[in-house]
C-alpha atoms as a PDB file:
ATOM      1  CA  MET A   1       0.000   0.000   0.000  1.00  0.00           C
ATOM      2  CA  SER A   2       1.087   3.547  -0.581  1.00  0.00           C
ATOM      3  CA  LEU A   3       1.701   6.037   2.190  1.00  0.00           C
ATOM      4  CA  THR A   4      -1.214   8.243   3.198  1.00  0.00           C
ATOM      5  CA  ARG A   5       0.124  11.602   4.364  1.00  0.00           C
ATOM      6  CA  CYS A   6      -1.849  14.216   6.271  1.00  0.00           C
ATOM      7  CA  VAL A   7      -0.355  17.655   6.896  1.00  0.00           C
ATOM      8  CA  LEU A   8      -2.228  19.755   9.426  1.00  0.00           C
ATOM      9  CA  GLN A   9      -1.347  23.439   9.359  1.00  0.00           C
ATOM     10  CA  ASN A  10      -2.860  26.721  10.477  1.00  0.00           C
ATOM     11  CA  VAL A  11      -5.141  24.852  12.883  1.00  0.00           C
ATOM     12  CA  HIS A  12      -6.715  27.513  15.097  1.00  0.00           C
ATOM     13  CA  THR A  13      -9.990  25.742  15.983  1.00  0.00           C
ATOM     14  CA  LEU A  14     -11.211  22.187  16.411  1.00  0.00           C
ATOM     15  CA  ALA A  15     -13.278  22.736  13.266  1.00  0.00           C
ATOM     16  CA  ASP A  16     -10.023  23.479  11.377  1.00  0.00           C
ATOM     17  CA  PHE A  17      -8.467  20.300  12.767  1.00  0.00           C
ATOM     18  CA  TYR A  18     -11.323  18.026  11.739  1.00  0.00           C
ATOM     19  CA  ARG A  19     -11.868  19.793   8.396  1.00  0.00           C
ATOM     20  CA  GLN A  20      -8.270  19.108   7.441  1.00  0.00           C
ATOM     21  CA  LEU A  21      -8.520  15.479   8.538  1.00  0.00           C
ATOM     22  CA  HIS A  22     -11.644  14.991   6.405  1.00  0.00           C
ATOM     23  CA  ALA A  23      -9.920  16.592   3.407  1.00  0.00           C
ATOM     24  CA  GLN A  24      -6.757  14.484   3.620  1.00  0.00           C
ATOM     25  CA  LEU A  25      -7.636  11.103   5.101  1.00  0.00           C
ATOM     26  CA  PRO A  26     -10.011   8.422   3.829  1.00  0.00           C
ATOM     27  CA  LEU A  27     -12.157   8.590   6.955  1.00  0.00           C
ATOM     28  CA  PRO A  28     -15.112   6.218   7.164  1.00  0.00           C
ATOM     29  CA  PRO A  29     -18.599   7.623   6.488  1.00  0.00           C
ATOM     30  CA  HIS A  30     -19.586   7.139  10.132  1.00  0.00           C
ATOM     31  CA  PHE A  31     -16.681   9.290  11.393  1.00  0.00           C
ATOM     32  CA  GLY A  32     -17.753  11.892  13.933  1.00  0.00           C
ATOM     33  CA  ASP A  33     -15.681  14.928  14.777  1.00  0.00           C
ATOM     34  CA  ASN A  34     -14.598  13.835  18.241  1.00  0.00           C
ATOM     35  CA  GLN A  35     -11.673  12.119  19.932  1.00  0.00           C
ATOM     36  CA  ASP A  36     -13.383   8.728  20.272  1.00  0.00           C
ATOM     37  CA  ALA A  37     -14.042   8.605  16.529  1.00  0.00           C
ATOM     38  CA  LEU A  38     -10.502   9.790  15.812  1.00  0.00           C
ATOM     39  CA  TRP A  39      -9.056   7.017  17.977  1.00  0.00           C
ATOM     40  CA  ASP A  40     -11.228   4.409  16.249  1.00  0.00           C
ATOM     41  CA  ALA A  41     -10.224   5.682  12.812  1.00  0.00           C
ATOM     42  CA  LEU A  42      -6.512   5.827  13.572  1.00  0.00           C
ATOM     43  CA  THR A  43      -6.306   2.463  15.322  1.00  0.00           C
ATOM     44  CA  GLY A  44      -8.675   0.439  13.175  1.00  0.00           C
ATOM     45  CA  ASP A  45     -10.445   2.084  10.274  1.00  0.00           C
ATOM     46  CA  LEU A  46      -7.612   3.667   8.298  1.00  0.00           C
ATOM     47  CA  PRO A  47      -5.239   1.454   6.350  1.00  0.00           C
ATOM     48  CA  GLY A  48      -1.552   2.160   6.644  1.00  0.00           C
ATOM     49  CA  PRO A  49       1.029   3.258   6.271  1.00  0.00           C
ATOM     50  CA  LEU A  50       0.025   6.658   7.623  1.00  0.00           C
ATOM     51  CA  GLU A  51       2.027   9.787   8.276  1.00  0.00           C
ATOM     52  CA  ILE A  52       0.563  12.719  10.181  1.00  0.00           C
ATOM     53  CA  VAL A  53       2.465  15.990  10.302  1.00  0.00           C
ATOM     54  CA  TRP A  54       1.018  18.704  12.517  1.00  0.00           C
ATOM     55  CA  LYS A  55       2.709  22.057  12.055  1.00  0.00           C
ATOM     56  CA  GLN A  56       2.456  24.485  14.966  1.00  0.00           C
ATOM     57  CA  PRO A  57      -0.045  22.582  17.110  1.00  0.00           C
ATOM     58  CA  GLN A  58       0.282  25.351  19.703  1.00  0.00           C
ATOM     59  CA  LEU A  59      -1.922  27.533  17.467  1.00  0.00           C
ATOM     60  CA  LEU A  60      -4.887  25.485  18.707  1.00  0.00           C
ATOM     61  CA  GLY A  61      -4.201  26.475  22.300  1.00  0.00           C
ATOM     62  CA  ALA A  62      -5.205  24.250  25.218  1.00  0.00           C
ATOM     63  CA  ALA A  63      -7.300  21.989  22.966  1.00  0.00           C
ATOM     64  CA  ALA A  64      -4.121  20.803  21.221  1.00  0.00           C
ATOM     65  CA  GLU A  65      -2.692  18.816  24.125  1.00  0.00           C
ATOM     66  CA  PRO A  66      -5.381  16.092  24.344  1.00  0.00           C
ATOM     67  CA  LEU A  67      -5.277  15.684  20.565  1.00  0.00           C
ATOM     68  CA  GLN A  68      -1.485  15.441  20.570  1.00  0.00           C
ATOM     69  CA  GLU A  69      -1.678  12.815  23.314  1.00  0.00           C
ATOM     70  CA  LEU A  70      -4.244  10.819  21.337  1.00  0.00           C
ATOM     71  CA  LEU A  71      -2.093  11.010  18.187  1.00  0.00           C
ATOM     72  CA  ARG A  72       1.006   9.912  20.132  1.00  0.00           C
ATOM     73  CA  ASP A  73      -0.882   6.989  21.663  1.00  0.00           C
ATOM     74  CA  ALA A  74      -2.212   5.925  18.257  1.00  0.00           C
ATOM     75  CA  ALA A  75       1.314   6.068  16.808  1.00  0.00           C
ATOM     76  CA  GLU A  76       2.501   3.833  19.646  1.00  0.00           C
ATOM     77  CA  GLU A  77      -0.372   1.438  18.959  1.00  0.00           C
ATOM     78  CA  ARG A  78       0.487   1.037  15.257  1.00  0.00           C
ATOM     79  CA  ASP A  79       3.788   0.185  13.624  1.00  0.00           C
ATOM     80  CA  ASP A  80       2.750   1.916  10.398  1.00  0.00           C
ATOM     81  CA  LEU A  81       1.714   5.326  11.786  1.00  0.00           C
ATOM     82  CA  CYS A  82       4.357   8.055  12.009  1.00  0.00           C
ATOM     83  CA  LEU A  83       3.555  11.287  13.805  1.00  0.00           C
ATOM     84  CA  TYR A  84       5.512  14.524  13.526  1.00  0.00           C
ATOM     85  CA  LEU A  85       4.623  17.488  15.739  1.00  0.00           C
ATOM     86  CA  LEU A  86       6.528  20.480  14.398  1.00  0.00           C
ATOM     87  CA  PRO A  87       6.969  23.755  16.296  1.00  0.00           C
END
């Protein structure tokens, strides 16, 4: 399979975050814009290999930390998911 790459940038709101995910990843039709759905998609629904690059996550403010933690945990769960959090 070919690499699926998602580059998140200029994410200032949760709506920005999920909009960019929808635009770049083959999310399942039942995907809801929440952390539970994101976990399910990243750990089971999306085929790999996956690469997620999030540029300047700090732009999202306090809401970024739980999402970064979820992304880190998903990357630990899968051998074919690479996560890059860039300042």
